[in-house]
């Protein structure tokens, strides 16, 4: 995962079959469950560490 100011790029590499990391598999339908889990974890981390004290009331996590 690469984080830049205001931009988050999630990268899913298959190091066994693509050791040079040439292909990002994040949009692969076979990885949709993993992708959704990672996005949810990232959102939870962001909300819990952000400067917004009302985040618990804005989204039920």
PDB file of N, CA and C in Angstrom:
ATOM      1  N   UNK A   1       0.850  -1.158   0.000  1.00  0.00           N
ATOM      2  CA  UNK A   1       0.000   0.000   0.000  1.00  0.00           C
ATOM      3  C   UNK A   1       0.899   1.224   0.000  1.00  0.00           C
ATOM      4  N   UNK A   2       0.571   2.174  -0.838  1.00  0.00           N
ATOM      5  CA  UNK A   2       1.318   3.422  -0.921  1.00  0.00           C
ATOM      6  C   UNK A   2       0.409   4.549  -0.467  1.00  0.00           C
ATOM      7  N   UNK A   3       0.889   5.385   0.430  1.00  0.00           N
ATOM      8  CA  UNK A   3       0.093   6.509   0.904  1.00  0.00           C
ATOM      9  C   UNK A   3       0.795   7.805   0.514  1.00  0.00           C
ATOM     10  N   UNK A   4       0.092   8.650  -0.196  1.00  0.00           N
ATOM     11  CA  UNK A   4       0.569   9.969  -0.567  1.00  0.00           C
ATOM     12  C   UNK A   4      -0.409  10.975   0.014  1.00  0.00           C
ATOM     13  N   UNK A   5      -0.069  12.228   0.136  1.00  0.00           N
ATOM     14  CA  UNK A   5      -1.013  13.206   0.684  1.00  0.00           C
ATOM     15  C   UNK A   5      -2.332  13.173  -0.081  1.00  0.00           C
ATOM     16  N   UNK A   6      -3.415  12.866   0.639  1.00  0.00           N
ATOM     17  CA  UNK A   6      -4.776  12.840   0.102  1.00  0.00           C
ATOM     18  C   UNK A   6      -5.005  11.753  -0.931  1.00  0.00           C
ATOM     19  N   UNK A   7      -4.051  10.857  -1.137  1.00  0.00           N
ATOM     20  CA  UNK A   7      -4.203   9.776  -2.112  1.00  0.00           C
ATOM     21  C   UNK A   7      -3.753   8.472  -1.459  1.00  0.00           C
ATOM     22  N   UNK A   8      -4.570   7.448  -1.567  1.00  0.00           N
ATOM     23  CA  UNK A   8      -4.197   6.131  -1.072  1.00  0.00           C
ATOM     24  C   UNK A   8      -4.279   5.168  -2.243  1.00  0.00           C
ATOM     25  N   UNK A   9      -3.200   4.475  -2.494  1.00  0.00           N
ATOM     26  CA  UNK A   9      -3.144   3.487  -3.571  1.00  0.00           C
ATOM     27  C   UNK A   9      -2.899   2.133  -2.928  1.00  0.00           C
ATOM     28  N   UNK A  10      -3.843   1.229  -3.091  1.00  0.00           N
ATOM     29  CA  UNK A  10      -3.681  -0.108  -2.538  1.00  0.00           C
ATOM     30  C   UNK A  10      -3.162  -1.010  -3.647  1.00  0.00           C
ATOM     31  N   UNK A  11      -2.087  -1.706  -3.348  1.00  0.00           N
ATOM     32  CA  UNK A  11      -1.452  -2.565  -4.328  1.00  0.00           C
ATOM     33  C   UNK A  11      -1.493  -3.999  -3.808  1.00  0.00           C
ATOM     34  N   UNK A  12      -1.947  -4.913  -4.656  1.00  0.00           N
ATOM     35  CA  UNK A  12      -1.972  -6.338  -4.304  1.00  0.00           C
ATOM     36  C   UNK A  12      -1.065  -7.072  -5.277  1.00  0.00           C
ATOM     37  N   UNK A  13       0.100  -7.418  -4.811  1.00  0.00           N
ATOM     38  CA  UNK A  13       1.062  -8.121  -5.650  1.00  0.00           C
ATOM     39  C   UNK A  13       1.018  -9.617  -5.359  1.00  0.00           C
ATOM     40  N   UNK A  14       1.268 -10.396  -6.374  1.00  0.00           N
ATOM     41  CA  UNK A  14       1.402 -11.840  -6.259  1.00  0.00           C
ATOM     42  C   UNK A  14       2.897 -12.147  -6.384  1.00  0.00           C
ATOM     43  N   UNK A  15       3.584 -12.156  -5.251  1.00  0.00           N
ATOM     44  CA  UNK A  15       5.036 -12.287  -5.274  1.00  0.00           C
ATOM     45  C   UNK A  15       5.504 -13.656  -5.748  1.00  0.00           C
ATOM     46  N   UNK A  16       4.672 -14.674  -5.600  1.00  0.00           N
ATOM     47  CA  UNK A  16       5.063 -16.003  -6.064  1.00  0.00           C
ATOM     48  C   UNK A  16       5.054 -16.076  -7.595  1.00  0.00           C
ATOM     49  N   UNK A  17       3.987 -15.573  -8.215  1.00  0.00           N
ATOM     50  CA  UNK A  17       3.855 -15.661  -9.669  1.00  0.00           C
ATOM     51  C   UNK A  17       4.331 -14.404 -10.400  1.00  0.00           C
ATOM     52  N   UNK A  18       4.544 -13.331  -9.654  1.00  0.00           N
ATOM     53  CA  UNK A  18       4.992 -12.068 -10.246  1.00  0.00           C
ATOM     54  C   UNK A  18       6.035 -11.428  -9.324  1.00  0.00           C
ATOM     55  N   UNK A  19       7.213 -12.056  -9.197  1.00  0.00           N
ATOM     56  CA  UNK A  19       8.214 -11.568  -8.238  1.00  0.00           C
ATOM     57  C   UNK A  19       8.734 -10.162  -8.532  1.00  0.00           C
ATOM     58  N   UNK A  20       8.588  -9.700  -9.747  1.00  0.00           N
ATOM     59  CA  UNK A  20       9.043  -8.347 -10.078  1.00  0.00           C
ATOM     60  C   UNK A  20       7.963  -7.298  -9.816  1.00  0.00           C
ATOM     61  N   UNK A  21       6.815  -7.744  -9.331  1.00  0.00           N
ATOM     62  CA  UNK A  21       5.708  -6.859  -8.974  1.00  0.00           C
ATOM     63  C   UNK A  21       5.293  -5.966 -10.137  1.00  0.00           C
ATOM     64  N   UNK A  22       5.084  -6.564 -11.292  1.00  0.00           N
ATOM     65  CA  UNK A  22       4.709  -5.803 -12.482  1.00  0.00           C
ATOM     66  C   UNK A  22       3.210  -5.586 -12.596  1.00  0.00           C
ATOM     67  N   UNK A  23       2.415  -6.461 -11.962  1.00  0.00           N
ATOM     68  CA  UNK A  23       0.965  -6.395 -12.123  1.00  0.00           C
ATOM     69  C   UNK A  23       0.279  -6.199 -10.781  1.00  0.00           C
ATOM     70  N   UNK A  24      -0.554  -5.190 -10.702  1.00  0.00           N
ATOM     71  CA  UNK A  24      -1.341  -4.926  -9.514  1.00  0.00           C
ATOM     72  C   UNK A  24      -2.656  -5.695  -9.659  1.00  0.00           C
ATOM     73  N   UNK A  25      -2.919  -6.597  -8.730  1.00  0.00           N
ATOM     74  CA  UNK A  25      -4.112  -7.443  -8.807  1.00  0.00           C
ATOM     75  C   UNK A  25      -5.250  -6.918  -7.952  1.00  0.00           C
ATOM     76  N   UNK A  26      -5.213  -5.676  -7.541  1.00  0.00           N
ATOM     77  CA  UNK A  26      -6.228  -5.157  -6.632  1.00  0.00           C
ATOM     78  C   UNK A  26      -7.628  -5.190  -7.247  1.00  0.00           C
ATOM     79  N   UNK A  27      -7.743  -5.100  -8.564  1.00  0.00           N
ATOM     80  CA  UNK A  27      -9.057  -5.149  -9.210  1.00  0.00           C
ATOM     81  C   UNK A  27      -9.440  -6.550  -9.676  1.00  0.00           C
ATOM     82  N   UNK A  28      -8.639  -7.533  -9.337  1.00  0.00           N
ATOM     83  CA  UNK A  28      -8.934  -8.916  -9.691  1.00  0.00           C
ATOM     84  C   UNK A  28     -10.180  -9.377  -8.928  1.00  0.00           C
ATOM     85  N   UNK A  29     -11.206  -9.864  -9.631  1.00  0.00           N
ATOM     86  CA  UNK A  29     -12.429 -10.316  -8.949  1.00  0.00           C
ATOM     87  C   UNK A  29     -12.173 -11.404  -7.907  1.00  0.00           C
ATOM     88  N   UNK A  30     -11.146 -12.208  -8.105  1.00  0.00           N
ATOM     89  CA  UNK A  30     -10.821 -13.253  -7.138  1.00  0.00           C
ATOM     90  C   UNK A  30     -10.341 -12.684  -5.807  1.00  0.00           C
ATOM     91  N   UNK A  31      -9.912 -11.444  -5.809  1.00  0.00           N
ATOM     92  CA  UNK A  31      -9.399 -10.806  -4.594  1.00  0.00           C
ATOM     93  C   UNK A  31     -10.368  -9.784  -4.003  1.00  0.00           C
ATOM     94  N   UNK A  32     -11.603  -9.774  -4.461  1.00  0.00           N
ATOM     95  CA  UNK A  32     -12.554  -8.750  -4.015  1.00  0.00           C
ATOM     96  C   UNK A  32     -12.765  -8.789  -2.501  1.00  0.00           C
ATOM     97  N   UNK A  33     -12.826  -9.969  -1.918  1.00  0.00           N
ATOM     98  CA  UNK A  33     -13.017 -10.071  -0.471  1.00  0.00           C
ATOM     99  C   UNK A  33     -11.810  -9.503   0.278  1.00  0.00           C
ATOM    100  N   UNK A  34     -10.627  -9.823  -0.183  1.00  0.00           N
ATOM    101  CA  UNK A  34      -9.401  -9.294   0.431  1.00  0.00           C
ATOM    102  C   UNK A  34      -9.353  -7.774   0.274  1.00  0.00           C
ATOM    103  N   UNK A  35      -9.650  -7.285  -0.913  1.00  0.00           N
ATOM    104  CA  UNK A  35      -9.639  -5.841  -1.179  1.00  0.00           C
ATOM    105  C   UNK A  35     -10.610  -5.112  -0.254  1.00  0.00           C
ATOM    106  N   UNK A  36     -11.824  -5.631  -0.141  1.00  0.00           N
ATOM    107  CA  UNK A  36     -12.822  -4.978   0.709  1.00  0.00           C
ATOM    108  C   UNK A  36     -12.403  -4.996   2.174  1.00  0.00           C
ATOM    109  N   UNK A  37     -11.796  -6.094   2.603  1.00  0.00           N
ATOM    110  CA  UNK A  37     -11.312  -6.186   3.984  1.00  0.00           C
ATOM    111  C   UNK A  37     -10.208  -5.152   4.244  1.00  0.00           C
ATOM    112  N   UNK A  38      -9.266  -5.028   3.310  1.00  0.00           N
ATOM    113  CA  UNK A  38      -8.181  -4.055   3.471  1.00  0.00           C
ATOM    114  C   UNK A  38      -8.706  -2.624   3.486  1.00  0.00           C
ATOM    115  N   UNK A  39      -9.647  -2.333   2.613  1.00  0.00           N
ATOM    116  CA  UNK A  39     -10.222  -0.985   2.590  1.00  0.00           C
ATOM    117  C   UNK A  39     -10.948  -0.664   3.889  1.00  0.00           C
ATOM    118  N   UNK A  40     -11.675  -1.630   4.413  1.00  0.00           N
ATOM    119  CA  UNK A  40     -12.387  -1.425   5.670  1.00  0.00           C
ATOM    120  C   UNK A  40     -11.407  -1.225   6.819  1.00  0.00           C
ATOM    121  N   UNK A  41     -10.335  -2.014   6.859  1.00  0.00           N
ATOM    122  CA  UNK A  41      -9.313  -1.843   7.905  1.00  0.00           C
ATOM    123  C   UNK A  41      -8.642  -0.476   7.806  1.00  0.00           C
ATOM    124  N   UNK A  42      -8.358  -0.049   6.581  1.00  0.00           N
ATOM    125  CA  UNK A  42      -7.745   1.256   6.390  1.00  0.00           C
ATOM    126  C   UNK A  42      -8.687   2.363   6.850  1.00  0.00           C
ATOM    127  N   UNK A  43      -9.967   2.238   6.521  1.00  0.00           N
ATOM    128  CA  UNK A  43     -10.948   3.231   6.949  1.00  0.00           C
ATOM    129  C   UNK A  43     -11.053   3.252   8.467  1.00  0.00           C
ATOM    130  N   UNK A  44     -11.102   2.104   9.107  1.00  0.00           N
ATOM    131  CA  UNK A  44     -11.159   2.052  10.571  1.00  0.00           C
ATOM    132  C   UNK A  44      -9.936   2.711  11.198  1.00  0.00           C
ATOM    133  N   UNK A  45      -8.772   2.417  10.656  1.00  0.00           N
ATOM    134  CA  UNK A  45      -7.545   3.034  11.180  1.00  0.00           C
ATOM    135  C   UNK A  45      -7.601   4.545  11.002  1.00  0.00           C
ATOM    136  N   UNK A  46      -7.993   4.986   9.811  1.00  0.00           N
ATOM    137  CA  UNK A  46      -8.044   6.418   9.536  1.00  0.00           C
ATOM    138  C   UNK A  46      -9.017   7.114  10.496  1.00  0.00           C
ATOM    139  N   UNK A  47     -10.191   6.557  10.647  1.00  0.00           N
ATOM    140  CA  UNK A  47     -11.182   7.189  11.512  1.00  0.00           C
ATOM    141  C   UNK A  47     -10.753   7.186  12.972  1.00  0.00           C
ATOM    142  N   UNK A  48     -10.122   6.122  13.414  1.00  0.00           N
ATOM    143  CA  UNK A  48      -9.723   6.056  14.815  1.00  0.00           C
ATOM    144  C   UNK A  48      -8.522   6.939  15.130  1.00  0.00           C
ATOM    145  N   UNK A  49      -7.740   7.293  14.129  1.00  0.00           N
ATOM    146  CA  UNK A  49      -6.572   8.140  14.365  1.00  0.00           C
ATOM    147  C   UNK A  49      -6.749   9.556  13.832  1.00  0.00           C
ATOM    148  N   UNK A  50      -7.903   9.827  13.260  1.00  0.00           N
ATOM    149  CA  UNK A  50      -8.114  11.163  12.685  1.00  0.00           C
ATOM    150  C   UNK A  50      -8.428  12.170  13.781  1.00  0.00           C
ATOM    151  N   UNK A  51      -8.529  13.390  13.372  1.00  0.00           N
ATOM    152  CA  UNK A  51      -8.769  14.479  14.300  1.00  0.00           C
ATOM    153  C   UNK A  51     -10.258  14.822  14.380  1.00  0.00           C
ATOM    154  N   UNK A  52     -11.102  13.855  14.164  1.00  0.00           N
ATOM    155  CA  UNK A  52     -12.532  14.077  14.166  1.00  0.00           C
ATOM    156  C   UNK A  52     -13.146  13.335  15.348  1.00  0.00           C
ATOM    157  N   UNK A  53     -13.490  14.047  16.432  1.00  0.00           N
ATOM    158  CA  UNK A  53     -13.995  13.367  17.632  1.00  0.00           C
ATOM    159  C   UNK A  53     -15.389  12.763  17.455  1.00  0.00           C
ATOM    160  N   UNK A  54     -16.103  13.130  16.413  1.00  0.00           N
ATOM    161  CA  UNK A  54     -17.462  12.625  16.220  1.00  0.00           C
ATOM    162  C   UNK A  54     -17.523  11.446  15.263  1.00  0.00           C
ATOM    163  N   UNK A  55     -16.394  10.871  14.890  1.00  0.00           N
ATOM    164  CA  UNK A  55     -16.407   9.819  13.869  1.00  0.00           C
ATOM    165  C   UNK A  55     -17.247   8.613  14.271  1.00  0.00           C
ATOM    166  N   UNK A  56     -17.304   8.296  15.568  1.00  0.00           N
ATOM    167  CA  UNK A  56     -18.080   7.137  16.006  1.00  0.00           C
ATOM    168  C   UNK A  56     -19.567   7.320  15.732  1.00  0.00           C
ATOM    169  N   UNK A  57     -20.012   8.569  15.740  1.00  0.00           N
ATOM    170  CA  UNK A  57     -21.431   8.834  15.510  1.00  0.00           C
ATOM    171  C   UNK A  57     -21.752   8.983  14.027  1.00  0.00           C
ATOM    172  N   UNK A  58     -20.755   9.227  13.236  1.00  0.00           N
ATOM    173  CA  UNK A  58     -20.978   9.433  11.799  1.00  0.00           C
ATOM    174  C   UNK A  58     -20.998   8.124  11.032  1.00  0.00           C
ATOM    175  N   UNK A  59     -20.350   7.104  11.552  1.00  0.00           N
ATOM    176  CA  UNK A  59     -20.298   5.821  10.853  1.00  0.00           C
ATOM    177  C   UNK A  59     -20.261   4.710  11.886  1.00  0.00           C
ATOM    178  N   UNK A  60     -21.147   3.771  11.735  1.00  0.00           N
ATOM    179  CA  UNK A  60     -21.189   2.647  12.650  1.00  0.00           C
ATOM    180  C   UNK A  60     -20.142   1.620  12.231  1.00  0.00           C
ATOM    181  N   UNK A  61     -19.071   1.542  12.993  1.00  0.00           N
ATOM    182  CA  UNK A  61     -17.982   0.600  12.675  1.00  0.00           C
ATOM    183  C   UNK A  61     -17.956  -0.486  13.725  1.00  0.00           C
TER     184      UNK A  61
END
